[in-house]
Amino acid sequence: MTAQPGHYEKIWKTVCMIPAGKVACYGQIADLAGLPGRARLVGKSLGFVPEKLDVPWYRVLRSSGQIAFPLGSEQAARQTGLLQEEGVAVFNNRVKLKEFQWQPDLAEMLFKLEY
């Protein structure tokens, strides 16, 4: 299944809604963007964010709270650093979702999203 025009934009807009100090999971972003079951598409789209857009890609994690990049890699260190700058605790490449997961309310989603 390929991405339809506009899917990446929906994903990027949804990721931009994650507040500083919070994280979301790939599947959660897919659901909120109106693309249920498309968690992998979320990951793929974050690799194609145009430089002119300021999308906080580093706030998106696996459903386990784990950073998708391998522990010890340059990318994992960068993502960890960006999250820690926002006050998100990262231990062994993982974030405690119970403490840091973004839980938007319905009113916020309806007001900010245009789908």
N, C-alpha and C. Protein backbone atom coordinates (compact mmCIF):
# COMPACT_ATOMS: atom_id res chain seq x y z
N MET A 1 0.85 -1.18 0.00
CA MET A 1 0.00 0.00 0.00
C MET A 1 0.90 1.24 0.00
N THR A 2 0.64 2.16 -0.86
CA THR A 2 1.44 3.38 -0.95
C THR A 2 0.71 4.54 -0.29
N ALA A 3 1.49 5.56 0.02
CA ALA A 3 0.90 6.76 0.65
C ALA A 3 0.15 7.57 -0.39
N GLN A 4 -1.01 8.05 -0.04
CA GLN A 4 -1.79 8.92 -0.91
C GLN A 4 -1.31 10.35 -0.71
N PRO A 5 -1.48 11.20 -1.72
CA PRO A 5 -1.11 12.60 -1.55
C PRO A 5 -1.83 13.19 -0.33
N GLY A 6 -1.09 13.89 0.48
CA GLY A 6 -1.67 14.51 1.66
C GLY A 6 -1.48 13.72 2.94
N HIS A 7 -1.18 12.42 2.84
CA HIS A 7 -1.00 11.63 4.05
C HIS A 7 0.19 12.13 4.87
N TYR A 8 1.29 12.41 4.22
CA TYR A 8 2.46 12.90 4.95
C TYR A 8 2.14 14.21 5.65
N GLU A 9 1.43 15.09 4.97
CA GLU A 9 1.09 16.38 5.55
C GLU A 9 0.20 16.21 6.79
N LYS A 10 -0.75 15.28 6.72
CA LYS A 10 -1.60 15.01 7.89
C LYS A 10 -0.75 14.52 9.06
N ILE A 11 0.18 13.65 8.78
CA ILE A 11 1.06 13.11 9.81
C ILE A 11 1.91 14.23 10.40
N TRP A 12 2.53 15.03 9.55
CA TRP A 12 3.40 16.11 10.04
C TRP A 12 2.61 17.09 10.90
N LYS A 13 1.41 17.42 10.47
CA LYS A 13 0.59 18.36 11.23
C LYS A 13 0.24 17.78 12.60
N THR A 14 -0.06 16.50 12.64
CA THR A 14 -0.38 15.85 13.91
C THR A 14 0.83 15.81 14.83
N VAL A 15 1.98 15.48 14.29
CA VAL A 15 3.22 15.45 15.10
C VAL A 15 3.52 16.84 15.65
N CYS A 16 3.24 17.86 14.88
CA CYS A 16 3.49 19.24 15.35
C CYS A 16 2.60 19.62 16.54
N MET A 17 1.54 18.87 16.76
CA MET A 17 0.64 19.16 17.88
C MET A 17 1.16 18.61 19.21
N ILE A 18 2.12 17.69 19.16
CA ILE A 18 2.64 17.10 20.40
C ILE A 18 3.35 18.20 21.17
N PRO A 19 2.93 18.49 22.39
CA PRO A 19 3.57 19.57 23.15
C PRO A 19 4.97 19.19 23.62
N ALA A 20 5.79 20.19 23.83
CA ALA A 20 7.14 19.97 24.38
C ALA A 20 6.99 19.24 25.72
N GLY A 21 7.87 18.28 25.94
CA GLY A 21 7.83 17.52 27.18
C GLY A 21 6.92 16.32 27.14
N LYS A 22 6.31 16.06 25.98
CA LYS A 22 5.44 14.90 25.80
C LYS A 22 5.90 14.11 24.59
N VAL A 23 5.50 12.85 24.53
CA VAL A 23 5.83 11.98 23.39
C VAL A 23 4.56 11.27 22.93
N ALA A 24 4.61 10.72 21.74
CA ALA A 24 3.51 9.93 21.20
C ALA A 24 4.11 8.73 20.49
N CYS A 25 3.29 7.73 20.22
CA CYS A 25 3.73 6.53 19.52
C CYS A 25 3.34 6.63 18.05
N TYR A 26 4.06 5.89 17.23
CA TYR A 26 3.78 5.90 15.79
C TYR A 26 2.31 5.57 15.51
N GLY A 27 1.79 4.52 16.14
CA GLY A 27 0.40 4.13 15.93
C GLY A 27 -0.59 5.18 16.40
N GLN A 28 -0.27 5.82 17.51
CA GLN A 28 -1.12 6.89 18.04
C GLN A 28 -1.21 8.03 17.04
N ILE A 29 -0.08 8.41 16.46
CA ILE A 29 -0.06 9.49 15.46
C ILE A 29 -0.87 9.08 14.24
N ALA A 30 -0.71 7.84 13.80
CA ALA A 30 -1.48 7.36 12.64
C ALA A 30 -2.98 7.47 12.92
N ASP A 31 -3.40 7.01 14.10
CA ASP A 31 -4.82 7.08 14.46
C ASP A 31 -5.31 8.52 14.48
N LEU A 32 -4.57 9.41 15.14
CA LEU A 32 -4.98 10.80 15.26
C LEU A 32 -4.99 11.53 13.91
N ALA A 33 -4.15 11.07 12.99
CA ALA A 33 -4.09 11.67 11.66
C ALA A 33 -5.15 11.10 10.73
N GLY A 34 -5.97 10.19 11.25
CA GLY A 34 -7.01 9.60 10.41
C GLY A 34 -6.50 8.48 9.52
N LEU A 35 -5.39 7.86 9.93
CA LEU A 35 -4.77 6.80 9.15
C LEU A 35 -4.54 5.56 10.02
N PRO A 36 -5.61 5.01 10.61
CA PRO A 36 -5.43 3.88 11.52
C PRO A 36 -4.71 2.71 10.86
N GLY A 37 -3.84 2.08 11.64
CA GLY A 37 -3.09 0.94 11.13
C GLY A 37 -1.90 1.31 10.27
N ARG A 38 -1.57 2.57 10.20
CA ARG A 38 -0.49 3.01 9.31
C ARG A 38 0.73 3.55 10.10
N ALA A 39 1.07 2.89 11.20
CA ALA A 39 2.20 3.32 12.03
C ALA A 39 3.49 3.37 11.23
N ARG A 40 3.70 2.42 10.36
CA ARG A 40 4.94 2.42 9.56
C ARG A 40 4.99 3.61 8.62
N LEU A 41 3.83 4.02 8.13
CA LEU A 41 3.78 5.20 7.27
C LEU A 41 4.21 6.44 8.05
N VAL A 42 3.86 6.49 9.33
CA VAL A 42 4.28 7.62 10.17
C VAL A 42 5.81 7.66 10.22
N GLY A 43 6.42 6.53 10.50
CA GLY A 43 7.88 6.49 10.54
C GLY A 43 8.50 6.88 9.21
N LYS A 44 7.95 6.38 8.14
CA LYS A 44 8.46 6.71 6.81
C LYS A 44 8.33 8.21 6.53
N SER A 45 7.17 8.77 6.87
CA SER A 45 6.93 10.19 6.57
C SER A 45 7.89 11.09 7.33
N LEU A 46 8.28 10.68 8.53
CA LEU A 46 9.20 11.51 9.32
C LEU A 46 10.59 11.55 8.70
N GLY A 47 10.89 10.60 7.85
CA GLY A 47 12.15 10.62 7.12
C GLY A 47 12.13 11.54 5.91
N PHE A 48 10.95 12.07 5.57
CA PHE A 48 10.80 12.92 4.39
C PHE A 48 10.30 14.32 4.73
N VAL A 49 10.48 14.74 5.97
CA VAL A 49 10.05 16.09 6.36
C VAL A 49 10.93 17.11 5.65
N PRO A 50 10.34 18.04 4.91
CA PRO A 50 11.14 19.08 4.25
C PRO A 50 11.88 19.94 5.29
N GLU A 51 13.08 20.36 4.95
CA GLU A 51 13.89 21.15 5.88
C GLU A 51 13.20 22.43 6.34
N LYS A 52 12.34 22.98 5.49
CA LYS A 52 11.67 24.24 5.83
C LYS A 52 10.62 24.06 6.93
N LEU A 53 10.17 22.82 7.16
CA LEU A 53 9.18 22.55 8.20
C LEU A 53 9.88 22.21 9.51
N ASP A 54 9.31 22.68 10.60
CA ASP A 54 9.86 22.40 11.92
C ASP A 54 8.97 21.36 12.60
N VAL A 55 9.17 20.10 12.24
CA VAL A 55 8.37 19.00 12.77
C VAL A 55 9.17 18.30 13.87
N PRO A 56 8.63 18.24 15.09
CA PRO A 56 9.37 17.62 16.19
C PRO A 56 9.35 16.08 16.12
N TRP A 57 10.00 15.54 15.12
CA TRP A 57 10.05 14.10 14.86
C TRP A 57 10.51 13.29 16.07
N TYR A 58 11.36 13.90 16.86
CA TYR A 58 11.99 13.20 17.99
C TYR A 58 11.00 12.88 19.11
N ARG A 59 9.80 13.43 19.06
CA ARG A 59 8.77 13.17 20.07
C ARG A 59 7.96 11.91 19.75
N VAL A 60 8.27 11.22 18.67
CA VAL A 60 7.53 10.03 18.26
C VAL A 60 8.38 8.79 18.53
N LEU A 61 7.78 7.83 19.26
CA LEU A 61 8.48 6.64 19.70
C LEU A 61 7.70 5.38 19.35
N ARG A 62 8.34 4.24 19.59
CA ARG A 62 7.64 2.96 19.44
C ARG A 62 6.57 2.83 20.52
N SER A 63 5.65 1.90 20.33
CA SER A 63 4.55 1.73 21.29
C SER A 63 5.04 1.28 22.66
N SER A 64 6.25 0.79 22.74
CA SER A 64 6.84 0.39 24.02
C SER A 64 7.51 1.57 24.74
N GLY A 65 7.56 2.71 24.06
CA GLY A 65 8.26 3.88 24.61
C GLY A 65 9.71 3.91 24.20
N GLN A 66 10.12 2.98 23.39
CA GLN A 66 11.51 2.87 22.98
C GLN A 66 11.79 3.76 21.77
N ILE A 67 12.97 4.35 21.77
CA ILE A 67 13.46 5.09 20.61
C ILE A 67 13.73 4.07 19.51
N ALA A 68 13.33 4.37 18.29
CA ALA A 68 13.45 3.41 17.19
C ALA A 68 14.88 3.22 16.72
N PHE A 69 15.75 4.18 16.96
CA PHE A 69 17.15 4.05 16.54
C PHE A 69 17.90 3.13 17.51
N PRO A 70 18.89 2.41 17.02
CA PRO A 70 19.64 1.50 17.90
C PRO A 70 20.35 2.23 19.03
N LEU A 71 20.33 1.62 20.21
CA LEU A 71 21.02 2.17 21.37
C LEU A 71 22.49 2.38 21.03
N GLY A 72 22.99 3.56 21.34
CA GLY A 72 24.39 3.88 21.08
C GLY A 72 24.64 4.52 19.72
N SER A 73 23.60 4.57 18.87
CA SER A 73 23.79 5.18 17.55
C SER A 73 23.76 6.70 17.68
N GLU A 74 24.29 7.36 16.69
CA GLU A 74 24.31 8.83 16.68
C GLU A 74 22.88 9.39 16.67
N GLN A 75 22.00 8.74 15.90
CA GLN A 75 20.61 9.19 15.83
C GLN A 75 19.91 9.05 17.18
N ALA A 76 20.14 7.93 17.86
CA ALA A 76 19.51 7.71 19.18
C ALA A 76 20.03 8.74 20.17
N ALA A 77 21.31 9.05 20.12
CA ALA A 77 21.88 10.05 21.03
C ALA A 77 21.27 11.42 20.75
N ARG A 78 21.08 11.75 19.48
CA ARG A 78 20.48 13.04 19.12
C ARG A 78 19.03 13.12 19.62
N GLN A 79 18.26 12.05 19.38
CA GLN A 79 16.86 12.04 19.82
C GLN A 79 16.79 12.11 21.34
N THR A 80 17.62 11.36 22.02
CA THR A 80 17.66 11.39 23.48
C THR A 80 17.96 12.79 23.99
N GLY A 81 18.95 13.43 23.39
CA GLY A 81 19.32 14.79 23.79
C GLY A 81 18.19 15.78 23.60
N LEU A 82 17.50 15.71 22.47
CA LEU A 82 16.39 16.62 22.21
C LEU A 82 15.25 16.40 23.19
N LEU A 83 14.96 15.15 23.51
CA LEU A 83 13.90 14.85 24.47
C LEU A 83 14.29 15.34 25.87
N GLN A 84 15.53 15.10 26.26
CA GLN A 84 15.98 15.51 27.59
C GLN A 84 15.98 17.03 27.73
N GLU A 85 16.26 17.75 26.65
CA GLU A 85 16.20 19.21 26.69
C GLU A 85 14.79 19.70 27.03
N GLU A 86 13.78 18.88 26.71
CA GLU A 86 12.38 19.23 26.99
C GLU A 86 11.89 18.64 28.32
N GLY A 87 12.80 18.01 29.05
CA GLY A 87 12.42 17.46 30.35
C GLY A 87 11.90 16.03 30.32
N VAL A 88 12.02 15.35 29.18
CA VAL A 88 11.57 13.96 29.07
C VAL A 88 12.72 13.07 29.52
N ALA A 89 12.45 12.21 30.50
CA ALA A 89 13.48 11.29 31.00
C ALA A 89 13.62 10.11 30.05
N VAL A 90 14.86 9.85 29.62
CA VAL A 90 15.14 8.72 28.73
C VAL A 90 16.18 7.84 29.43
N PHE A 91 15.83 6.57 29.64
CA PHE A 91 16.72 5.61 30.27
C PHE A 91 16.83 4.39 29.37
N ASN A 92 18.06 4.01 29.02
CA ASN A 92 18.28 2.85 28.15
C ASN A 92 17.45 2.91 26.87
N ASN A 93 17.44 4.09 26.25
CA ASN A 93 16.76 4.28 24.97
C ASN A 93 15.24 4.18 25.07
N ARG A 94 14.70 4.39 26.28
CA ARG A 94 13.26 4.22 26.49
C ARG A 94 12.70 5.34 27.37
N VAL A 95 11.43 5.69 27.10
CA VAL A 95 10.70 6.71 27.85
C VAL A 95 9.53 6.02 28.55
N LYS A 96 9.25 6.40 29.79
CA LYS A 96 8.08 5.86 30.50
C LYS A 96 6.83 6.55 29.96
N LEU A 97 6.06 5.81 29.17
CA LEU A 97 4.89 6.39 28.54
C LEU A 97 3.83 6.82 29.56
N LYS A 98 3.71 6.10 30.66
CA LYS A 98 2.72 6.48 31.67
C LYS A 98 2.95 7.90 32.17
N GLU A 99 4.19 8.32 32.14
CA GLU A 99 4.53 9.65 32.64
C GLU A 99 4.57 10.73 31.55
N PHE A 100 5.01 10.36 30.34
CA PHE A 100 5.28 11.37 29.33
C PHE A 100 4.41 11.29 28.07
N GLN A 101 3.52 10.31 27.96
CA GLN A 101 2.74 10.19 26.73
C GLN A 101 1.69 11.28 26.62
N TRP A 102 1.62 11.86 25.45
CA TRP A 102 0.64 12.90 25.12
C TRP A 102 -0.74 12.27 25.04
N GLN A 103 -1.68 12.85 25.75
CA GLN A 103 -3.06 12.40 25.73
C GLN A 103 -3.96 13.59 25.40
N PRO A 104 -4.09 13.93 24.11
CA PRO A 104 -4.91 15.09 23.76
C PRO A 104 -6.38 14.82 24.03
N ASP A 105 -7.11 15.86 24.39
CA ASP A 105 -8.55 15.67 24.57
C ASP A 105 -9.25 15.92 23.23
N LEU A 106 -10.47 15.47 23.14
CA LEU A 106 -11.22 15.55 21.89
C LEU A 106 -11.38 16.98 21.40
N ALA A 107 -11.65 17.89 22.31
CA ALA A 107 -11.84 19.29 21.92
C ALA A 107 -10.58 19.85 21.27
N GLU A 108 -9.42 19.52 21.84
CA GLU A 108 -8.15 19.98 21.27
C GLU A 108 -7.97 19.44 19.86
N MET A 109 -8.26 18.18 19.66
CA MET A 109 -8.08 17.56 18.35
C MET A 109 -9.04 18.16 17.33
N LEU A 110 -10.29 18.33 17.70
CA LEU A 110 -11.27 18.87 16.75
C LEU A 110 -10.95 20.31 16.39
N PHE A 111 -10.44 21.05 17.34
CA PHE A 111 -10.14 22.46 17.10
C PHE A 111 -8.90 22.62 16.21
N LYS A 112 -7.88 21.82 16.45
CA LYS A 112 -6.60 22.00 15.77
C LYS A 112 -6.48 21.27 14.45
N LEU A 113 -7.13 20.13 14.31
CA LEU A 113 -7.01 19.36 13.09
C LEU A 113 -8.13 19.71 12.13
N GLU A 114 -7.84 19.57 10.86
CA GLU A 114 -8.81 19.97 9.83
C GLU A 114 -9.27 18.79 9.00
N TYR A 115 -9.35 17.59 9.57
CA TYR A 115 -9.76 16.44 8.76
C TYR A 115 -11.23 16.15 9.03
